[in-house]
Amino acid sequence: MSEKAVAIAFYFVASGVFTVLGNPFPILGSREVTDLLTRRLEEVVGANFAFESDPIKAARLMIDHINKKREALKLRPLMYEKREKVTLGVE
């Protein structure tokens, strides 16, 4: 991941946008920094990072986060159909 991509990702999180990235930052060897980026940063700026390389799991993280925010706003939980099995058109 380039320095520019990291800077853009931090801009989004600092702006309050939950951000899921496929590749973790090289600083994730530190438990303290990992905890800050993936948990505690939300207390400071209203958003945090999540790292998930599987696109289906990443999408689930985003959908769950959106539903949590919708629930806090007392909005209906789903604006889309819930599907159990995801297919990519290849069988």
C-alpha atoms as a PDB file:
ATOM      1  CA  MET A   1       0.000   0.000   0.000  1.00  0.00           C
ATOM      2  CA  SER A   2       1.440   3.349  -1.009  1.00  0.00           C
ATOM      3  CA  GLU A   3       1.914   6.285   1.343  1.00  0.00           C
ATOM      4  CA  LYS A   4      -0.709   8.176  -0.645  1.00  0.00           C
ATOM      5  CA  ALA A   5      -3.285   5.412  -0.096  1.00  0.00           C
ATOM      6  CA  VAL A   6      -2.537   5.375   3.637  1.00  0.00           C
ATOM      7  CA  ALA A   7      -2.924   9.166   3.806  1.00  0.00           C
ATOM      8  CA  ILE A   8      -6.262   9.006   1.978  1.00  0.00           C
ATOM      9  CA  ALA A   9      -7.497   6.229   4.278  1.00  0.00           C
ATOM     10  CA  PHE A  10      -6.549   8.273   7.352  1.00  0.00           C
ATOM     11  CA  TYR A  11      -8.346  11.301   5.883  1.00  0.00           C
ATOM     12  CA  PHE A  12     -11.539   9.252   5.572  1.00  0.00           C
ATOM     13  CA  VAL A  13     -11.316   7.867   9.108  1.00  0.00           C
ATOM     14  CA  ALA A  14     -10.492  11.318  10.512  1.00  0.00           C
ATOM     15  CA  SER A  15     -13.606  12.576   8.698  1.00  0.00           C
ATOM     16  CA  GLY A  16     -15.716   9.988  10.543  1.00  0.00           C
ATOM     17  CA  VAL A  17     -15.990   7.314   7.847  1.00  0.00           C
ATOM     18  CA  PHE A  18     -15.591   3.648   8.890  1.00  0.00           C
ATOM     19  CA  THR A  19     -12.929   2.345   6.498  1.00  0.00           C
ATOM     20  CA  VAL A  20     -12.278  -1.289   5.564  1.00  0.00           C
ATOM     21  CA  LEU A  21      -8.974  -2.052   3.860  1.00  0.00           C
ATOM     22  CA  GLY A  22      -7.881  -5.323   2.287  1.00  0.00           C
ATOM     23  CA  ASN A  23      -4.242  -5.018   3.297  1.00  0.00           C
ATOM     24  CA  PRO A  24      -3.209  -4.128   6.838  1.00  0.00           C
ATOM     25  CA  PHE A  25      -0.752  -1.338   7.500  1.00  0.00           C
ATOM     26  CA  PRO A  26       2.824  -2.418   8.230  1.00  0.00           C
ATOM     27  CA  ILE A  27       2.481  -1.001  11.760  1.00  0.00           C
ATOM     28  CA  LEU A  28       0.052  -3.712  12.875  1.00  0.00           C
ATOM     29  CA  GLY A  29       2.846  -5.596  14.669  1.00  0.00           C
ATOM     30  CA  SER A  30       2.177  -3.347  17.664  1.00  0.00           C
ATOM     31  CA  ARG A  31      -0.840  -4.406  19.742  1.00  0.00           C
ATOM     32  CA  GLU A  32      -1.241  -0.885  21.097  1.00  0.00           C
ATOM     33  CA  VAL A  33      -1.314   0.752  17.643  1.00  0.00           C
ATOM     34  CA  THR A  34      -3.565  -1.992  16.263  1.00  0.00           C
ATOM     35  CA  ASP A  35      -6.026  -1.459  19.125  1.00  0.00           C
ATOM     36  CA  LEU A  36      -5.911   2.307  18.563  1.00  0.00           C
ATOM     37  CA  LEU A  37      -6.630   2.032  14.824  1.00  0.00           C
ATOM     38  CA  THR A  38      -9.293  -0.677  14.992  1.00  0.00           C
ATOM     39  CA  ARG A  39     -11.118   0.231  18.222  1.00  0.00           C
ATOM     40  CA  ARG A  40     -10.198   3.325  20.229  1.00  0.00           C
ATOM     41  CA  LEU A  41      -9.923   5.745  17.309  1.00  0.00           C
ATOM     42  CA  GLU A  42     -13.724   5.677  17.037  1.00  0.00           C
ATOM     43  CA  GLU A  43     -13.955   7.383  20.445  1.00  0.00           C
ATOM     44  CA  VAL A  44     -11.729  10.205  19.180  1.00  0.00           C
ATOM     45  CA  VAL A  45     -12.898  10.853  15.595  1.00  0.00           C
ATOM     46  CA  GLY A  46     -16.078   8.769  15.286  1.00  0.00           C
ATOM     47  CA  ALA A  47     -14.637   6.095  12.990  1.00  0.00           C
ATOM     48  CA  ASN A  48     -11.975   3.428  12.836  1.00  0.00           C
ATOM     49  CA  PHE A  49     -10.257   0.990  10.488  1.00  0.00           C
ATOM     50  CA  ALA A  50     -10.998  -2.655   9.808  1.00  0.00           C
ATOM     51  CA  PHE A  51      -8.720  -4.928   7.798  1.00  0.00           C
ATOM     52  CA  GLU A  52     -10.197  -7.829   5.834  1.00  0.00           C
ATOM     53  CA  SER A  53      -8.818  -9.401   2.660  1.00  0.00           C
ATOM     54  CA  ASP A  54     -11.921 -11.491   1.885  1.00  0.00           C
ATOM     55  CA  PRO A  55     -14.329  -9.239  -0.067  1.00  0.00           C
ATOM     56  CA  ILE A  56     -17.461 -11.003   1.207  1.00  0.00           C
ATOM     57  CA  LYS A  57     -16.368 -10.645   4.831  1.00  0.00           C
ATOM     58  CA  ALA A  58     -15.349  -7.020   4.177  1.00  0.00           C
ATOM     59  CA  ALA A  59     -18.799  -6.296   2.750  1.00  0.00           C
ATOM     60  CA  ARG A  60     -20.399  -7.919   5.807  1.00  0.00           C
ATOM     61  CA  LEU A  61     -18.317  -5.658   8.089  1.00  0.00           C
ATOM     62  CA  MET A  62     -19.555  -2.593   6.197  1.00  0.00           C
ATOM     63  CA  ILE A  63     -23.195  -3.730   6.182  1.00  0.00           C
ATOM     64  CA  ASP A  64     -23.090  -4.525   9.899  1.00  0.00           C
ATOM     65  CA  HIS A  65     -21.594  -1.096  10.603  1.00  0.00           C
ATOM     66  CA  ILE A  66     -24.273   0.644   8.504  1.00  0.00           C
ATOM     67  CA  ASN A  67     -27.010  -1.297  10.305  1.00  0.00           C
ATOM     68  CA  LYS A  68     -25.537  -0.323  13.697  1.00  0.00           C
ATOM     69  CA  LYS A  69     -25.598   3.356  12.702  1.00  0.00           C
ATOM     70  CA  ARG A  70     -29.146   3.032  11.312  1.00  0.00           C
ATOM     71  CA  GLU A  71     -30.274   1.463  14.577  1.00  0.00           C
ATOM     72  CA  ALA A  72     -28.734   4.343  16.554  1.00  0.00           C
ATOM     73  CA  LEU A  73     -30.729   6.748  14.379  1.00  0.00           C
ATOM     74  CA  LYS A  74     -33.860   4.626  14.932  1.00  0.00           C
ATOM     75  CA  LEU A  75     -34.202   3.880  11.216  1.00  0.00           C
ATOM     76  CA  ARG A  76     -35.433   0.651   9.685  1.00  0.00           C
ATOM     77  CA  PRO A  77     -32.661  -1.959   9.870  1.00  0.00           C
ATOM     78  CA  LEU A  78     -32.733  -3.095   6.226  1.00  0.00           C
ATOM     79  CA  MET A  79     -32.990  -1.216   2.955  1.00  0.00           C
ATOM     80  CA  TYR A  80     -31.963  -4.254   0.961  1.00  0.00           C
ATOM     81  CA  GLU A  81     -32.807  -7.904   0.683  1.00  0.00           C
ATOM     82  CA  LYS A  82     -31.043 -10.227   3.062  1.00  0.00           C
ATOM     83  CA  ARG A  83     -29.418 -13.095   1.198  1.00  0.00           C
ATOM     84  CA  GLU A  84     -27.942 -16.183   2.773  1.00  0.00           C
ATOM     85  CA  LYS A  85     -25.826 -17.399  -0.146  1.00  0.00           C
ATOM     86  CA  VAL A  86     -23.726 -15.183  -2.362  1.00  0.00           C
ATOM     87  CA  THR A  87     -22.965 -16.474  -5.856  1.00  0.00           C
ATOM     88  CA  LEU A  88     -20.601 -14.991  -8.349  1.00  0.00           C
ATOM     89  CA  GLY A  89     -22.304 -16.468 -11.412  1.00  0.00           C
ATOM     90  CA  VAL A  90     -19.841 -19.350 -11.611  1.00  0.00           C
ATOM     91  CA  GLU A  91     -21.052 -22.841 -10.817  1.00  0.00           C
END
